[in-house]
Amino acid sequence: AGKVRSDGPVVVLLSGRNIDMDAHRRIVCGEAPSLKEHAA
């Protein structure tokens, strides 16, 4: 909607409170999440 402007990289993390806390920490610390390890 054009409401957010950034001069650098941006990460959006949406969660329904069911995110693994270790995965959350890795994302917040800048690590790229592995989608393969969470695939069912």
PDB file of N, CA and C in Angstrom:
ATOM      1  N   ALA A   1       0.812  -1.194   0.000  1.00  0.00           N
ATOM      2  CA  ALA A   1       0.000   0.000   0.000  1.00  0.00           C
ATOM      3  C   ALA A   1       0.853   1.255   0.000  1.00  0.00           C
ATOM      4  N   GLY A   2       2.170   1.098  -0.072  1.00  0.00           N
ATOM      5  CA  GLY A   2       3.048   2.262  -0.119  1.00  0.00           C
ATOM      6  C   GLY A   2       3.198   2.983   1.202  1.00  0.00           C
ATOM      7  N   LYS A   3       2.880   2.339   2.310  1.00  0.00           N
ATOM      8  CA  LYS A   3       2.947   3.006   3.615  1.00  0.00           C
ATOM      9  C   LYS A   3       4.309   2.873   4.280  1.00  0.00           C
ATOM     10  N   VAL A   4       5.139   1.968   3.784  1.00  0.00           N
ATOM     11  CA  VAL A   4       6.457   1.769   4.377  1.00  0.00           C
ATOM     12  C   VAL A   4       7.509   2.097   3.337  1.00  0.00           C
ATOM     13  N   ARG A   5       8.435   2.949   3.709  1.00  0.00           N
ATOM     14  CA  ARG A   5       9.543   3.290   2.831  1.00  0.00           C
ATOM     15  C   ARG A   5      10.835   2.922   3.557  1.00  0.00           C
ATOM     16  N   SER A   6      11.766   2.330   2.827  1.00  0.00           N
ATOM     17  CA  SER A   6      13.012   1.900   3.440  1.00  0.00           C
ATOM     18  C   SER A   6      14.187   2.249   2.549  1.00  0.00           C
ATOM     19  N   ASP A   7      15.277   2.626   3.189  1.00  0.00           N
ATOM     20  CA  ASP A   7      16.517   2.876   2.457  1.00  0.00           C
ATOM     21  C   ASP A   7      17.442   1.666   2.487  1.00  0.00           C
ATOM     22  N   GLY A   8      16.996   0.592   3.133  1.00  0.00           N
ATOM     23  CA  GLY A   8      17.831  -0.603   3.247  1.00  0.00           C
ATOM     24  C   GLY A   8      16.982  -1.854   3.326  1.00  0.00           C
ATOM     25  N   PRO A   9      17.616  -2.966   3.644  1.00  0.00           N
ATOM     26  CA  PRO A   9      16.902  -4.243   3.733  1.00  0.00           C
ATOM     27  C   PRO A   9      15.817  -4.227   4.808  1.00  0.00           C
ATOM     28  N   VAL A  10      14.735  -4.940   4.546  1.00  0.00           N
ATOM     29  CA  VAL A  10      13.611  -5.015   5.480  1.00  0.00           C
ATOM     30  C   VAL A  10      13.174  -6.473   5.599  1.00  0.00           C
ATOM     31  N   VAL A  11      12.836  -6.882   6.812  1.00  0.00           N
ATOM     32  CA  VAL A  11      12.291  -8.217   7.049  1.00  0.00           C
ATOM     33  C   VAL A  11      10.943  -8.055   7.716  1.00  0.00           C
ATOM     34  N   VAL A  12       9.957  -8.777   7.216  1.00  0.00           N
ATOM     35  CA  VAL A  12       8.633  -8.790   7.834  1.00  0.00           C
ATOM     36  C   VAL A  12       8.413 -10.200   8.349  1.00  0.00           C
ATOM     37  N   LEU A  13       8.131 -10.310   9.638  1.00  0.00           N
ATOM     38  CA  LEU A  13       7.922 -11.613  10.258  1.00  0.00           C
ATOM     39  C   LEU A  13       6.511 -11.650  10.820  1.00  0.00           C
ATOM     40  N   LEU A  14       5.654 -12.443  10.176  1.00  0.00           N
ATOM     41  CA  LEU A  14       4.277 -12.600  10.638  1.00  0.00           C
ATOM     42  C   LEU A  14       4.156 -13.950  11.319  1.00  0.00           C
ATOM     43  N   SER A  15       3.562 -13.957  12.478  1.00  0.00           N
ATOM     44  CA  SER A  15       3.442 -15.205  13.225  1.00  0.00           C
ATOM     45  C   SER A  15       2.118 -15.234  13.961  1.00  0.00           C
ATOM     46  N   GLY A  16       1.539 -16.405  13.994  1.00  0.00           N
ATOM     47  CA  GLY A  16       0.329 -16.614  14.789  1.00  0.00           C
ATOM     48  C   GLY A  16       0.683 -17.167  16.155  1.00  0.00           C
ATOM     49  N   ARG A  17       1.853 -16.790  16.664  1.00  0.00           N
ATOM     50  CA  ARG A  17       2.373 -17.230  17.961  1.00  0.00           C
ATOM     51  C   ARG A  17       2.791 -18.693  17.962  1.00  0.00           C
ATOM     52  N   ASN A  18       2.929 -19.283  16.820  1.00  0.00           N
ATOM     53  CA  ASN A  18       3.309 -20.684  16.779  1.00  0.00           C
ATOM     54  C   ASN A  18       4.700 -20.884  16.190  1.00  0.00           C
ATOM     55  N   ILE A  19       5.527 -19.857  16.233  1.00  0.00           N
ATOM     56  CA  ILE A  19       6.878 -19.971  15.685  1.00  0.00           C
ATOM     57  C   ILE A  19       7.810 -20.570  16.741  1.00  0.00           C
ATOM     58  N   ASP A  20       8.681 -21.435  16.295  1.00  0.00           N
ATOM     59  CA  ASP A  20       9.701 -22.013  17.156  1.00  0.00           C
ATOM     60  C   ASP A  20      10.630 -20.892  17.631  1.00  0.00           C
ATOM     61  N   MET A  21      10.880 -20.798  18.924  1.00  0.00           N
ATOM     62  CA  MET A  21      11.674 -19.699  19.468  1.00  0.00           C
ATOM     63  C   MET A  21      13.114 -19.719  18.963  1.00  0.00           C
ATOM     64  N   ASP A  22      13.665 -20.892  18.684  1.00  0.00           N
ATOM     65  CA  ASP A  22      15.012 -20.951  18.123  1.00  0.00           C
ATOM     66  C   ASP A  22      15.022 -20.375  16.707  1.00  0.00           C
ATOM     67  N   ALA A  23      13.997 -20.700  15.918  1.00  0.00           N
ATOM     68  CA  ALA A  23      13.886 -20.129  14.568  1.00  0.00           C
ATOM     69  C   ALA A  23      13.687 -18.620  14.651  1.00  0.00           C
ATOM     70  N   HIS A  24      12.897 -18.163  15.600  1.00  0.00           N
ATOM     71  CA  HIS A  24      12.661 -16.726  15.795  1.00  0.00           C
ATOM     72  C   HIS A  24      13.982 -16.021  16.107  1.00  0.00           C
ATOM     73  N   ARG A  25      14.768 -16.587  17.013  1.00  0.00           N
ATOM     74  CA  ARG A  25      16.054 -15.993  17.381  1.00  0.00           C
ATOM     75  C   ARG A  25      16.988 -15.920  16.177  1.00  0.00           C
ATOM     76  N   ARG A  26      17.028 -17.002  15.382  1.00  0.00           N
ATOM     77  CA  ARG A  26      17.905 -17.008  14.209  1.00  0.00           C
ATOM     78  C   ARG A  26      17.501 -15.928  13.212  1.00  0.00           C
ATOM     79  N   ILE A  27      16.207 -15.744  12.999  1.00  0.00           N
ATOM     80  CA  ILE A  27      15.727 -14.714  12.067  1.00  0.00           C
ATOM     81  C   ILE A  27      16.076 -13.330  12.586  1.00  0.00           C
ATOM     82  N   VAL A  28      15.816 -13.080  13.881  1.00  0.00           N
ATOM     83  CA  VAL A  28      16.101 -11.774  14.478  1.00  0.00           C
ATOM     84  C   VAL A  28      17.597 -11.468  14.430  1.00  0.00           C
ATOM     85  N   CYS A  29      18.427 -12.494  14.550  1.00  0.00           N
ATOM     86  CA  CYS A  29      19.883 -12.314  14.517  1.00  0.00           C
ATOM     87  C   CYS A  29      20.427 -12.209  13.092  1.00  0.00           C
ATOM     88  N   GLY A  30      19.553 -12.291  12.101  1.00  0.00           N
ATOM     89  CA  GLY A  30      19.968 -12.074  10.720  1.00  0.00           C
ATOM     90  C   GLY A  30      20.261 -13.314   9.911  1.00  0.00           C
ATOM     91  N   GLU A  31      20.044 -14.484  10.489  1.00  0.00           N
ATOM     92  CA  GLU A  31      20.269 -15.710   9.735  1.00  0.00           C
ATOM     93  C   GLU A  31      19.094 -15.968   8.795  1.00  0.00           C
ATOM     94  N   ALA A  32      19.385 -16.514   7.631  1.00  0.00           N
ATOM     95  CA  ALA A  32      18.321 -16.854   6.684  1.00  0.00           C
ATOM     96  C   ALA A  32      17.661 -18.155   7.132  1.00  0.00           C
ATOM     97  N   PRO A  33      16.341 -18.172   7.259  1.00  0.00           N
ATOM     98  CA  PRO A  33      15.667 -19.402   7.682  1.00  0.00           C
ATOM     99  C   PRO A  33      15.729 -20.466   6.590  1.00  0.00           C
ATOM    100  N   SER A  34      15.852 -21.715   7.003  1.00  0.00           N
ATOM    101  CA  SER A  34      15.850 -22.827   6.063  1.00  0.00           C
ATOM    102  C   SER A  34      14.426 -23.348   5.942  1.00  0.00           C
ATOM    103  N   LEU A  35      13.832 -23.190   4.781  1.00  0.00           N
ATOM    104  CA  LEU A  35      12.464 -23.662   4.585  1.00  0.00           C
ATOM    105  C   LEU A  35      12.425 -25.175   4.445  1.00  0.00           C
ATOM    106  N   LYS A  36      13.527 -25.771   4.018  1.00  0.00           N
ATOM    107  CA  LYS A  36      13.575 -27.224   3.841  1.00  0.00           C
ATOM    108  C   LYS A  36      13.460 -27.958   5.169  1.00  0.00           C
ATOM    109  N   GLU A  37      14.089 -27.439   6.232  1.00  0.00           N
ATOM    110  CA  GLU A  37      14.073 -28.151   7.509  1.00  0.00           C
ATOM    111  C   GLU A  37      12.704 -28.121   8.173  1.00  0.00           C
ATOM    112  N   HIS A  38      11.826 -27.211   7.746  1.00  0.00           N
ATOM    113  CA  HIS A  38      10.494 -27.115   8.335  1.00  0.00           C
ATOM    114  C   HIS A  38       9.406 -27.666   7.424  1.00  0.00           C
ATOM    115  N   ALA A  39       9.790 -28.155   6.243  1.00  0.00           N
ATOM    116  CA  ALA A  39       8.797 -28.685   5.302  1.00  0.00           C
ATOM    117  C   ALA A  39       8.227 -29.995   5.829  1.00  0.00           C
ATOM    118  N   ALA A  40       6.935 -30.150   5.654  1.00  0.00           N
ATOM    119  CA  ALA A  40       6.284 -31.384   6.136  1.00  0.00           C
ATOM    120  C   ALA A  40       5.871 -32.247   4.966  1.00  0.00           C
TER     121      ALA A  40
END
